[in-house]
Amino acid sequence: MADCIPGTCGCPAPKCPCTCGKTFGPVDLRRVWRVGTSTGYEPFEFYDLNGAIIGFDIDLIKIIGERLRFVVDVHDMDFNSLFPALGVRYIDVIAAAVSETLERSKFADFTKPYYESGMVLLSHDGDIDESQPISQLNGKIVAAQSGTTQEAILHAIKEGGGDPPFDDPDPYAPGMMIYTNVSLPTIVTLMGAKDNVEVQTETGTYEGPIHATIMIDKVADSYIVHRPQPPLVRTTEAFLNSVETCSFALPLGSSLVDVINDILDELLEPGGEIDRLIEKWFGGVSVEQTP
């Protein structure tokens, strides 16, 4: 039997050795860790053909749960429901390629980043010209999954005054129109079919097709591969020049943050578990190895 890990047994002791005297074996079946995620974000979290939720984030959170001797119970929900669910403790942790932001940090604590990825635009071939500035988005409908940092980036492009690199107080493309939906797969389907969507503008309701959708590069690559007709393309990371880091989110004041960070330090070592998962799901390098 092993001594309990600080932060996993409910005792108030901040550091080892834990004073509660509880011990348990390799897995304590009473300790269920409710993990919130939002599928449709392949290769990070998505359903396989058998209806199981799989992906990079899911594998990683299961490895961490095993280290903590938790039984991982994954709950799929709309992305914009994840942080409210965490706030009322319906879930214990968010594993959904989330980034720490100033606003989110008011309601949750975040682990250190475990991966970073470039932000890109997915579109039909010819709809976005990388040789032209971002102002080319004026008059076009650009979509984002609601509640995400990608939606915030679109508002920064349209309105100015966002986080770097879109922190100029003047808007970059004030005539761009923003469409949001809770489901990224729905957005990509609408864009692929060139179906009209409704957006609200300063002059009223406008209907038109989605010209581009913002997402991180690995997710865009997955859509390009798995939705070959009609063919979709993406910009390079240099076009938006924006990088998103991925972390796990826990309730404010959670003692597990430091514990998970220690586990991530080990998993992020060159040739470690995260490099293995990166190779398995999409290839590349971890955030710790990025120059």
C-alpha atoms as a PDB file:
ATOM      1  CA  MET A   1       0.000   0.000   0.000  1.00  0.00           C
ATOM      2  CA  ALA A   2       1.230   3.483  -0.854  1.00  0.00           C
ATOM      3  CA  ASP A   3       0.961   6.753   0.987  1.00  0.00           C
ATOM      4  CA  CYS A   4      -1.578   9.128  -0.499  1.00  0.00           C
ATOM      5  CA  ILE A   5      -0.493  11.782  -2.962  1.00  0.00           C
ATOM      6  CA  PRO A   6      -0.996  15.353  -1.681  1.00  0.00           C
ATOM      7  CA  GLY A   7      -4.101  16.905  -3.173  1.00  0.00           C
ATOM      8  CA  THR A   8      -5.772  13.586  -4.059  1.00  0.00           C
ATOM      9  CA  CYS A   9      -7.134  12.418  -0.744  1.00  0.00           C
ATOM     10  CA  GLY A  10      -8.933  15.513   0.518  1.00  0.00           C
ATOM     11  CA  CYS A  11      -6.649  16.073   3.494  1.00  0.00           C
ATOM     12  CA  PRO A  12      -5.481  19.639   4.201  1.00  0.00           C
ATOM     13  CA  ALA A  13      -1.773  18.827   4.290  1.00  0.00           C
ATOM     14  CA  PRO A  14      -0.075  20.885   1.526  1.00  0.00           C
ATOM     15  CA  LYS A  15       3.022  18.718   1.200  1.00  0.00           C
ATOM     16  CA  CYS A  16       4.211  15.170   1.810  1.00  0.00           C
ATOM     17  CA  PRO A  17       4.177  13.396   4.097  1.00  0.00           C
ATOM     18  CA  CYS A  18       0.398  13.540   4.194  1.00  0.00           C
ATOM     19  CA  THR A  19      -0.996  13.658   7.725  1.00  0.00           C
ATOM     20  CA  CYS A  20      -4.350  12.033   7.059  1.00  0.00           C
ATOM     21  CA  GLY A  21      -3.007   8.488   7.346  1.00  0.00           C
ATOM     22  CA  LYS A  22      -4.972   7.203   4.354  1.00  0.00           C
ATOM     23  CA  THR A  23      -3.387   4.576   2.135  1.00  0.00           C
ATOM     24  CA  PHE A  24      -4.547   2.892  -1.037  1.00  0.00           C
ATOM     25  CA  GLY A  25      -3.401   0.557  -3.777  1.00  0.00           C
ATOM     26  CA  PRO A  26      -2.622   1.198  -7.453  1.00  0.00           C
ATOM     27  CA  VAL A  27      -6.173   2.376  -8.255  1.00  0.00           C
ATOM     28  CA  ASP A  28      -8.795   3.570  -5.786  1.00  0.00           C
ATOM     29  CA  LEU A  29     -12.097   2.883  -7.515  1.00  0.00           C
ATOM     30  CA  ARG A  30     -13.820   5.397  -5.255  1.00  0.00           C
ATOM     31  CA  ARG A  31     -11.705   8.211  -6.694  1.00  0.00           C
ATOM     32  CA  VAL A  32     -13.392   9.060  -9.987  1.00  0.00           C
ATOM     33  CA  TRP A  33     -11.892  12.012 -11.858  1.00  0.00           C
ATOM     34  CA  ARG A  34     -14.556  13.666 -13.998  1.00  0.00           C
ATOM     35  CA  VAL A  35     -12.843  15.022 -17.090  1.00  0.00           C
ATOM     36  CA  GLY A  36     -14.672  17.515 -19.306  1.00  0.00           C
ATOM     37  CA  THR A  37     -13.850  17.693 -23.002  1.00  0.00           C
ATOM     38  CA  SER A  38     -15.417  18.859 -26.263  1.00  0.00           C
ATOM     39  CA  THR A  39     -15.154  16.459 -29.188  1.00  0.00           C
ATOM     40  CA  GLY A  40     -15.000  17.390 -32.851  1.00  0.00           C
ATOM     41  CA  TYR A  41     -11.446  18.643 -32.336  1.00  0.00           C
ATOM     42  CA  GLU A  42      -9.445  15.860 -33.941  1.00  0.00           C
ATOM     43  CA  PRO A  43      -6.685  14.839 -33.213  1.00  0.00           C
ATOM     44  CA  PHE A  44      -7.003  16.244 -29.677  1.00  0.00           C
ATOM     45  CA  GLU A  45     -10.442  14.863 -28.760  1.00  0.00           C
ATOM     46  CA  PHE A  46     -12.915  13.057 -31.015  1.00  0.00           C
ATOM     47  CA  TYR A  47     -15.045   9.909 -31.328  1.00  0.00           C
ATOM     48  CA  ASP A  48     -13.675   6.793 -32.969  1.00  0.00           C
ATOM     49  CA  LEU A  49     -15.807   4.446 -35.069  1.00  0.00           C
ATOM     50  CA  ASN A  50     -16.821   2.526 -31.943  1.00  0.00           C
ATOM     51  CA  GLY A  51     -18.142   5.615 -30.172  1.00  0.00           C
ATOM     52  CA  ALA A  52     -15.211   5.962 -27.761  1.00  0.00           C
ATOM     53  CA  ILE A  53     -13.660   9.367 -27.076  1.00  0.00           C
ATOM     54  CA  ILE A  54      -9.997   9.279 -28.065  1.00  0.00           C
ATOM     55  CA  GLY A  55      -7.201  11.690 -28.954  1.00  0.00           C
ATOM     56  CA  PHE A  56      -4.007  13.330 -27.753  1.00  0.00           C
ATOM     57  CA  ASP A  57      -5.626  15.096 -24.779  1.00  0.00           C
ATOM     58  CA  ILE A  58      -7.527  11.988 -23.762  1.00  0.00           C
ATOM     59  CA  ASP A  59      -4.431   9.790 -23.769  1.00  0.00           C
ATOM     60  CA  LEU A  60      -2.487  12.390 -21.800  1.00  0.00           C
ATOM     61  CA  ILE A  61      -5.125  12.994 -19.132  1.00  0.00           C
ATOM     62  CA  LYS A  62      -5.479   9.224 -18.672  1.00  0.00           C
ATOM     63  CA  ILE A  63      -1.729   8.914 -18.098  1.00  0.00           C
ATOM     64  CA  ILE A  64      -1.925  11.691 -15.498  1.00  0.00           C
ATOM     65  CA  GLY A  65      -5.002  10.125 -13.917  1.00  0.00           C
ATOM     66  CA  GLU A  66      -3.175   6.823 -13.603  1.00  0.00           C
ATOM     67  CA  ARG A  67      -0.260   8.590 -11.876  1.00  0.00           C
ATOM     68  CA  LEU A  68      -2.750  10.156  -9.461  1.00  0.00           C
ATOM     69  CA  ARG A  69      -4.494   6.778  -8.978  1.00  0.00           C
ATOM     70  CA  PHE A  70      -7.754   8.197 -10.314  1.00  0.00           C
ATOM     71  CA  VAL A  71     -10.330   6.485 -12.490  1.00  0.00           C
ATOM     72  CA  VAL A  72     -10.848   8.842 -15.442  1.00  0.00           C
ATOM     73  CA  ASP A  73     -14.476   9.455 -16.447  1.00  0.00           C
ATOM     74  CA  VAL A  74     -14.674  11.571 -19.635  1.00  0.00           C
ATOM     75  CA  HIS A  75     -17.698  13.823 -20.239  1.00  0.00           C
ATOM     76  CA  ASP A  76     -18.317  15.333 -23.695  1.00  0.00           C
ATOM     77  CA  MET A  77     -20.038  18.741 -23.799  1.00  0.00           C
ATOM     78  CA  ASP A  78     -20.204  21.967 -25.766  1.00  0.00           C
ATOM     79  CA  PHE A  79     -16.973  23.906 -25.413  1.00  0.00           C
ATOM     80  CA  ASN A  80     -18.673  26.973 -23.967  1.00  0.00           C
ATOM     81  CA  SER A  81     -20.173  24.789 -21.219  1.00  0.00           C
ATOM     82  CA  LEU A  82     -16.829  23.485 -19.952  1.00  0.00           C
ATOM     83  CA  PHE A  83     -15.820  26.355 -17.677  1.00  0.00           C
ATOM     84  CA  PRO A  84     -19.316  26.780 -16.141  1.00  0.00           C
ATOM     85  CA  ALA A  85     -19.335  23.016 -15.496  1.00  0.00           C
ATOM     86  CA  LEU A  86     -15.938  23.273 -13.818  1.00  0.00           C
ATOM     87  CA  GLY A  87     -17.145  26.193 -11.710  1.00  0.00           C
ATOM     88  CA  VAL A  88     -20.027  24.196 -10.216  1.00  0.00           C
ATOM     89  CA  ARG A  89     -17.801  21.064  -9.887  1.00  0.00           C
ATOM     90  CA  TYR A  90     -19.817  19.027 -12.357  1.00  0.00           C
ATOM     91  CA  ILE A  91     -16.392  18.165 -13.750  1.00  0.00           C
ATOM     92  CA  ASP A  92     -13.017  18.131 -11.983  1.00  0.00           C
ATOM     93  CA  VAL A  93     -10.697  19.072 -14.851  1.00  0.00           C
ATOM     94  CA  ILE A  94     -10.930  20.328 -18.441  1.00  0.00           C
ATOM     95  CA  ALA A  95      -8.940  18.463 -21.093  1.00  0.00           C
ATOM     96  CA  ALA A  96      -9.827  20.197 -24.345  1.00  0.00           C
ATOM     97  CA  ALA A  97      -6.705  21.908 -25.730  1.00  0.00           C
ATOM     98  CA  VAL A  98      -7.601  24.999 -23.690  1.00  0.00           C
ATOM     99  CA  SER A  99      -5.402  28.071 -23.367  1.00  0.00           C
ATOM    100  CA  GLU A 100      -4.988  30.135 -20.234  1.00  0.00           C
ATOM    101  CA  THR A 101      -6.310  33.663 -20.661  1.00  0.00           C
ATOM    102  CA  LEU A 102      -6.697  36.594 -18.282  1.00  0.00           C
ATOM    103  CA  GLU A 103     -10.467  36.178 -18.263  1.00  0.00           C
ATOM    104  CA  ARG A 104     -10.431  32.407 -17.775  1.00  0.00           C
ATOM    105  CA  SER A 105      -7.908  32.665 -14.937  1.00  0.00           C
ATOM    106  CA  LYS A 106     -10.577  34.472 -12.909  1.00  0.00           C
ATOM    107  CA  PHE A 107     -12.563  31.240 -12.787  1.00  0.00           C
ATOM    108  CA  ALA A 108      -9.998  28.436 -13.052  1.00  0.00           C
ATOM    109  CA  ASP A 109      -6.387  27.531 -12.351  1.00  0.00           C
ATOM    110  CA  PHE A 110      -4.244  26.193 -15.179  1.00  0.00           C
ATOM    111  CA  THR A 111      -1.387  23.746 -15.400  1.00  0.00           C
ATOM    112  CA  LYS A 112       1.782  24.546 -17.279  1.00  0.00           C
ATOM    113  CA  PRO A 113       1.404  24.221 -21.066  1.00  0.00           C
ATOM    114  CA  TYR A 114       1.967  20.751 -22.488  1.00  0.00           C
ATOM    115  CA  TYR A 115       1.736  21.637 -26.194  1.00  0.00           C
ATOM    116  CA  GLU A 116       1.692  24.676 -28.455  1.00  0.00           C
ATOM    117  CA  SER A 117       0.305  25.055 -31.935  1.00  0.00           C
ATOM    118  CA  GLY A 118       0.015  27.767 -34.578  1.00  0.00           C
ATOM    119  CA  MET A 119      -3.292  29.457 -35.401  1.00  0.00           C
ATOM    120  CA  VAL A 120      -4.451  29.161 -39.027  1.00  0.00           C
ATOM    121  CA  LEU A 121      -7.410  29.822 -41.309  1.00  0.00           C
ATOM    122  CA  LEU A 122      -9.099  26.880 -43.061  1.00  0.00           C
ATOM    123  CA  SER A 123     -10.840  27.777 -46.328  1.00  0.00           C
ATOM    124  CA  HIS A 124     -11.629  26.785 -49.900  1.00  0.00           C
ATOM    125  CA  ASP A 125      -8.646  27.096 -52.208  1.00  0.00           C
ATOM    126  CA  GLY A 126      -8.409  30.679 -53.433  1.00  0.00           C
ATOM    127  CA  ASP A 127     -10.587  32.282 -50.746  1.00  0.00           C
ATOM    128  CA  ILE A 128      -7.564  33.451 -48.709  1.00  0.00           C
ATOM    129  CA  ASP A 129      -4.434  34.884 -50.353  1.00  0.00           C
ATOM    130  CA  GLU A 130      -1.434  34.725 -48.011  1.00  0.00           C
ATOM    131  CA  SER A 131       0.404  37.282 -50.110  1.00  0.00           C
ATOM    132  CA  GLN A 132      -2.200  39.859 -49.073  1.00  0.00           C
ATOM    133  CA  PRO A 133      -2.595  41.436 -45.597  1.00  0.00           C
ATOM    134  CA  ILE A 134      -5.246  40.473 -43.051  1.00  0.00           C
ATOM    135  CA  SER A 135      -7.348  43.397 -44.267  1.00  0.00           C
ATOM    136  CA  GLN A 136      -8.417  41.093 -47.127  1.00  0.00           C
ATOM    137  CA  LEU A 137     -10.912  39.655 -44.625  1.00  0.00           C
ATOM    138  CA  ASN A 138     -13.025  42.809 -44.956  1.00  0.00           C
ATOM    139  CA  GLY A 139     -16.391  41.902 -46.446  1.00  0.00           C
ATOM    140  CA  LYS A 140     -15.912  38.190 -45.721  1.00  0.00           C
ATOM    141  CA  ILE A 141     -17.540  35.909 -43.158  1.00  0.00           C
ATOM    142  CA  VAL A 142     -14.961  34.223 -40.932  1.00  0.00           C
ATOM    143  CA  ALA A 143     -16.111  31.624 -38.401  1.00  0.00           C
ATOM    144  CA  ALA A 144     -14.958  30.361 -35.010  1.00  0.00           C
ATOM    145  CA  GLN A 145     -16.197  27.897 -32.423  1.00  0.00           C
ATOM    146  CA  SER A 146     -18.013  29.946 -29.792  1.00  0.00           C
ATOM    147  CA  GLY A 147     -16.342  30.501 -26.432  1.00  0.00           C
ATOM    148  CA  THR A 148     -12.831  29.771 -27.733  1.00  0.00           C
ATOM    149  CA  THR A 149      -9.692  31.882 -27.883  1.00  0.00           C
ATOM    150  CA  GLN A 150     -10.099  31.714 -31.660  1.00  0.00           C
ATOM    151  CA  GLU A 151     -13.338  33.690 -31.356  1.00  0.00           C
ATOM    152  CA  ALA A 152     -11.480  36.271 -29.263  1.00  0.00           C
ATOM    153  CA  ILE A 153      -8.812  36.561 -31.976  1.00  0.00           C
ATOM    154  CA  LEU A 154     -11.457  37.276 -34.618  1.00  0.00           C
ATOM    155  CA  HIS A 155     -12.904  40.054 -32.477  1.00  0.00           C
ATOM    156  CA  ALA A 156      -9.411  41.497 -32.009  1.00  0.00           C
ATOM    157  CA  ILE A 157      -8.911  41.466 -35.794  1.00  0.00           C
ATOM    158  CA  LYS A 158     -12.265  43.151 -36.362  1.00  0.00           C
ATOM    159  CA  GLU A 159     -12.221  45.592 -33.440  1.00  0.00           C
ATOM    160  CA  GLY A 160      -8.551  46.000 -32.437  1.00  0.00           C
ATOM    161  CA  GLY A 161      -7.168  46.125 -28.924  1.00  0.00           C
ATOM    162  CA  GLY A 162      -6.793  42.390 -28.346  1.00  0.00           C
ATOM    163  CA  ASP A 163      -3.927  40.307 -27.059  1.00  0.00           C
ATOM    164  CA  PRO A 164      -0.638  40.193 -29.013  1.00  0.00           C
ATOM    165  CA  PRO A 165      -0.130  39.980 -31.907  1.00  0.00           C
ATOM    166  CA  PHE A 166      -3.489  41.727 -32.447  1.00  0.00           C
ATOM    167  CA  ASP A 167      -3.030  44.369 -29.745  1.00  0.00           C
ATOM    168  CA  ASP A 168      -3.062  47.405 -32.024  1.00  0.00           C
ATOM    169  CA  PRO A 169      -5.942  49.674 -30.907  1.00  0.00           C
ATOM    170  CA  ASP A 170      -6.963  50.130 -34.541  1.00  0.00           C
ATOM    171  CA  PRO A 171      -8.914  47.289 -36.151  1.00  0.00           C
ATOM    172  CA  TYR A 172      -7.169  45.133 -38.735  1.00  0.00           C
ATOM    173  CA  ALA A 173     -10.292  44.208 -40.731  1.00  0.00           C
ATOM    174  CA  PRO A 174     -13.276  46.182 -39.400  1.00  0.00           C
ATOM    175  CA  GLY A 175     -15.460  45.023 -42.275  1.00  0.00           C
ATOM    176  CA  MET A 176     -14.990  41.340 -41.496  1.00  0.00           C
ATOM    177  CA  MET A 177     -18.139  39.529 -40.338  1.00  0.00           C
ATOM    178  CA  ILE A 178     -17.910  36.920 -37.561  1.00  0.00           C
ATOM    179  CA  TYR A 179     -20.006  33.755 -37.422  1.00  0.00           C
ATOM    180  CA  THR A 180     -19.911  31.488 -34.371  1.00  0.00           C
ATOM    181  CA  ASN A 181     -21.358  28.089 -33.579  1.00  0.00           C
ATOM    182  CA  VAL A 182     -20.891  25.749 -30.607  1.00  0.00           C
ATOM    183  CA  SER A 183     -19.860  22.952 -33.008  1.00  0.00           C
ATOM    184  CA  LEU A 184     -16.668  23.244 -35.053  1.00  0.00           C
ATOM    185  CA  PRO A 185     -17.649  20.257 -37.266  1.00  0.00           C
ATOM    186  CA  THR A 186     -20.908  22.065 -38.080  1.00  0.00           C
ATOM    187  CA  ILE A 187     -18.975  25.185 -39.067  1.00  0.00           C
ATOM    188  CA  VAL A 188     -16.644  23.212 -41.352  1.00  0.00           C
ATOM    189  CA  THR A 189     -19.600  21.377 -42.919  1.00  0.00           C
ATOM    190  CA  LEU A 190     -21.391  24.662 -43.631  1.00  0.00           C
ATOM    191  CA  MET A 191     -18.232  26.154 -45.105  1.00  0.00           C
ATOM    192  CA  GLY A 192     -17.509  23.067 -47.204  1.00  0.00           C
ATOM    193  CA  ALA A 193     -21.008  23.112 -48.668  1.00  0.00           C
ATOM    194  CA  LYS A 194     -20.896  26.888 -49.162  1.00  0.00           C
ATOM    195  CA  ASP A 195     -24.230  27.139 -47.380  1.00  0.00           C
ATOM    196  CA  ASN A 196     -25.344  30.626 -46.396  1.00  0.00           C
ATOM    197  CA  VAL A 197     -25.271  31.600 -42.733  1.00  0.00           C
ATOM    198  CA  GLU A 198     -26.715  34.631 -40.995  1.00  0.00           C
ATOM    199  CA  VAL A 199     -24.527  37.200 -39.269  1.00  0.00           C
ATOM    200  CA  GLN A 200     -25.409  40.455 -37.588  1.00  0.00           C
ATOM    201  CA  THR A 201     -23.724  43.552 -38.964  1.00  0.00           C
ATOM    202  CA  GLU A 202     -23.926  47.245 -38.107  1.00  0.00           C
ATOM    203  CA  THR A 203     -26.586  47.645 -40.797  1.00  0.00           C
ATOM    204  CA  GLY A 204     -28.643  44.538 -40.033  1.00  0.00           C
ATOM    205  CA  THR A 205     -28.671  40.833 -40.872  1.00  0.00           C
ATOM    206  CA  TYR A 206     -26.441  39.600 -43.668  1.00  0.00           C
ATOM    207  CA  GLU A 207     -26.551  36.186 -45.343  1.00  0.00           C
ATOM    208  CA  GLY A 208     -23.617  34.622 -47.126  1.00  0.00           C
ATOM    209  CA  PRO A 209     -21.195  31.689 -47.193  1.00  0.00           C
ATOM    210  CA  ILE A 210     -18.370  31.208 -44.696  1.00  0.00           C
ATOM    211  CA  HIS A 211     -15.080  32.148 -46.355  1.00  0.00           C
ATOM    212  CA  ALA A 212     -12.728  30.858 -43.652  1.00  0.00           C
ATOM    213  CA  THR A 213     -12.668  29.249 -40.208  1.00  0.00           C
ATOM    214  CA  ILE A 214      -9.999  29.847 -37.566  1.00  0.00           C
ATOM    215  CA  MET A 215      -8.501  26.913 -35.651  1.00  0.00           C
ATOM    216  CA  ILE A 216      -5.117  25.487 -34.665  1.00  0.00           C
ATOM    217  CA  ASP A 217      -2.970  23.928 -37.365  1.00  0.00           C
ATOM    218  CA  LYS A 218      -3.193  20.268 -36.319  1.00  0.00           C
ATOM    219  CA  VAL A 219      -6.996  20.394 -36.269  1.00  0.00           C
ATOM    220  CA  ALA A 220      -7.052  22.079 -39.695  1.00  0.00           C
ATOM    221  CA  ASP A 221      -4.749  19.375 -41.051  1.00  0.00           C
ATOM    222  CA  SER A 222      -7.168  16.729 -39.788  1.00  0.00           C
ATOM    223  CA  TYR A 223     -10.126  18.354 -41.547  1.00  0.00           C
ATOM    224  CA  ILE A 224      -8.141  18.629 -44.786  1.00  0.00           C
ATOM    225  CA  VAL A 225      -7.321  14.904 -44.683  1.00  0.00           C
ATOM    226  CA  HIS A 226     -10.723  13.611 -43.597  1.00  0.00           C
ATOM    227  CA  ARG A 227     -12.932  15.948 -45.638  1.00  0.00           C
ATOM    228  CA  PRO A 228     -11.305  15.790 -49.087  1.00  0.00           C
ATOM    229  CA  GLN A 229     -14.412  16.912 -51.028  1.00  0.00           C
ATOM    230  CA  PRO A 230     -14.624  19.739 -51.668  1.00  0.00           C
ATOM    231  CA  PRO A 231     -10.891  20.232 -51.064  1.00  0.00           C
ATOM    232  CA  LEU A 232      -9.982  22.591 -48.233  1.00  0.00           C
ATOM    233  CA  VAL A 233      -6.672  24.326 -47.621  1.00  0.00           C
ATOM    234  CA  ARG A 234      -5.156  26.241 -44.737  1.00  0.00           C
ATOM    235  CA  THR A 235      -2.872  29.194 -44.311  1.00  0.00           C
ATOM    236  CA  THR A 236       0.588  28.803 -42.840  1.00  0.00           C
ATOM    237  CA  GLU A 237       1.124  29.718 -39.202  1.00  0.00           C
ATOM    238  CA  ALA A 238       2.945  32.868 -40.352  1.00  0.00           C
ATOM    239  CA  PHE A 239      -0.244  34.445 -41.768  1.00  0.00           C
ATOM    240  CA  LEU A 240      -1.863  35.063 -38.376  1.00  0.00           C
ATOM    241  CA  ASN A 241       1.436  34.841 -36.465  1.00  0.00           C
ATOM    242  CA  SER A 242      -0.429  33.618 -33.380  1.00  0.00           C
ATOM    243  CA  VAL A 243       0.462  30.625 -31.194  1.00  0.00           C
ATOM    244  CA  GLU A 244      -1.902  28.851 -28.831  1.00  0.00           C
ATOM    245  CA  THR A 245      -0.657  26.879 -25.841  1.00  0.00           C
ATOM    246  CA  CYS A 246      -2.631  23.960 -24.428  1.00  0.00           C
ATOM    247  CA  SER A 247      -3.073  23.420 -20.681  1.00  0.00           C
ATOM    248  CA  PHE A 248      -5.427  21.609 -18.336  1.00  0.00           C
ATOM    249  CA  ALA A 249      -7.874  23.713 -16.305  1.00  0.00           C
ATOM    250  CA  LEU A 250      -8.842  22.927 -12.701  1.00  0.00           C
ATOM    251  CA  PRO A 251     -11.031  24.662 -10.106  1.00  0.00           C
ATOM    252  CA  LEU A 252      -9.618  27.784  -8.492  1.00  0.00           C
ATOM    253  CA  GLY A 253      -7.322  26.924  -5.600  1.00  0.00           C
ATOM    254  CA  SER A 254      -6.924  23.279  -6.596  1.00  0.00           C
ATOM    255  CA  SER A 255      -3.944  21.653  -4.883  1.00  0.00           C
ATOM    256  CA  LEU A 256      -3.648  19.328  -7.885  1.00  0.00           C
ATOM    257  CA  VAL A 257      -2.149  22.005 -10.136  1.00  0.00           C
ATOM    258  CA  ASP A 258       1.345  21.721  -8.640  1.00  0.00           C
ATOM    259  CA  VAL A 259       1.098  17.939  -8.541  1.00  0.00           C
ATOM    260  CA  ILE A 260       0.096  17.750 -12.208  1.00  0.00           C
ATOM    261  CA  ASN A 261       2.829  20.230 -13.141  1.00  0.00           C
ATOM    262  CA  ASP A 262       5.394  17.921 -11.550  1.00  0.00           C
ATOM    263  CA  ILE A 263       3.999  15.017 -13.576  1.00  0.00           C
ATOM    264  CA  LEU A 264       4.062  17.120 -16.758  1.00  0.00           C
ATOM    265  CA  ASP A 265       7.701  18.038 -16.108  1.00  0.00           C
ATOM    266  CA  GLU A 266       8.517  14.350 -16.241  1.00  0.00           C
ATOM    267  CA  LEU A 267       6.274  13.616 -19.229  1.00  0.00           C
ATOM    268  CA  LEU A 268       7.732  16.555 -21.179  1.00  0.00           C
ATOM    269  CA  GLU A 269      11.290  15.280 -20.960  1.00  0.00           C
ATOM    270  CA  PRO A 270      12.820  14.608 -24.408  1.00  0.00           C
ATOM    271  CA  GLY A 271      11.826  11.156 -25.548  1.00  0.00           C
ATOM    272  CA  GLY A 272       9.167  10.952 -22.816  1.00  0.00           C
ATOM    273  CA  GLU A 273       5.470  10.134 -22.880  1.00  0.00           C
ATOM    274  CA  ILE A 274       4.363  13.424 -24.453  1.00  0.00           C
ATOM    275  CA  ASP A 275       6.816  13.030 -27.315  1.00  0.00           C
ATOM    276  CA  ARG A 276       5.413   9.532 -27.815  1.00  0.00           C
ATOM    277  CA  LEU A 277       1.861  10.912 -27.933  1.00  0.00           C
ATOM    278  CA  ILE A 278       2.910  13.688 -30.310  1.00  0.00           C
ATOM    279  CA  GLU A 279       4.366  11.086 -32.641  1.00  0.00           C
ATOM    280  CA  LYS A 280       1.241   8.934 -32.301  1.00  0.00           C
ATOM    281  CA  TRP A 281      -1.298  11.668 -32.989  1.00  0.00           C
ATOM    282  CA  PHE A 282       0.347  14.300 -35.184  1.00  0.00           C
ATOM    283  CA  GLY A 283       4.140  14.436 -35.074  1.00  0.00           C
ATOM    284  CA  GLY A 284       6.180  17.523 -34.130  1.00  0.00           C
ATOM    285  CA  VAL A 285       7.849  18.734 -30.959  1.00  0.00           C
ATOM    286  CA  SER A 286       6.569  19.536 -27.487  1.00  0.00           C
ATOM    287  CA  VAL A 287       6.311  23.042 -26.086  1.00  0.00           C
ATOM    288  CA  GLU A 288       9.450  22.481 -23.990  1.00  0.00           C
ATOM    289  CA  GLN A 289      11.480  21.750 -27.121  1.00  0.00           C
ATOM    290  CA  THR A 290      10.156  24.575 -29.296  1.00  0.00           C
ATOM    291  CA  PRO A 291      12.897  27.108 -30.085  1.00  0.00           C
END
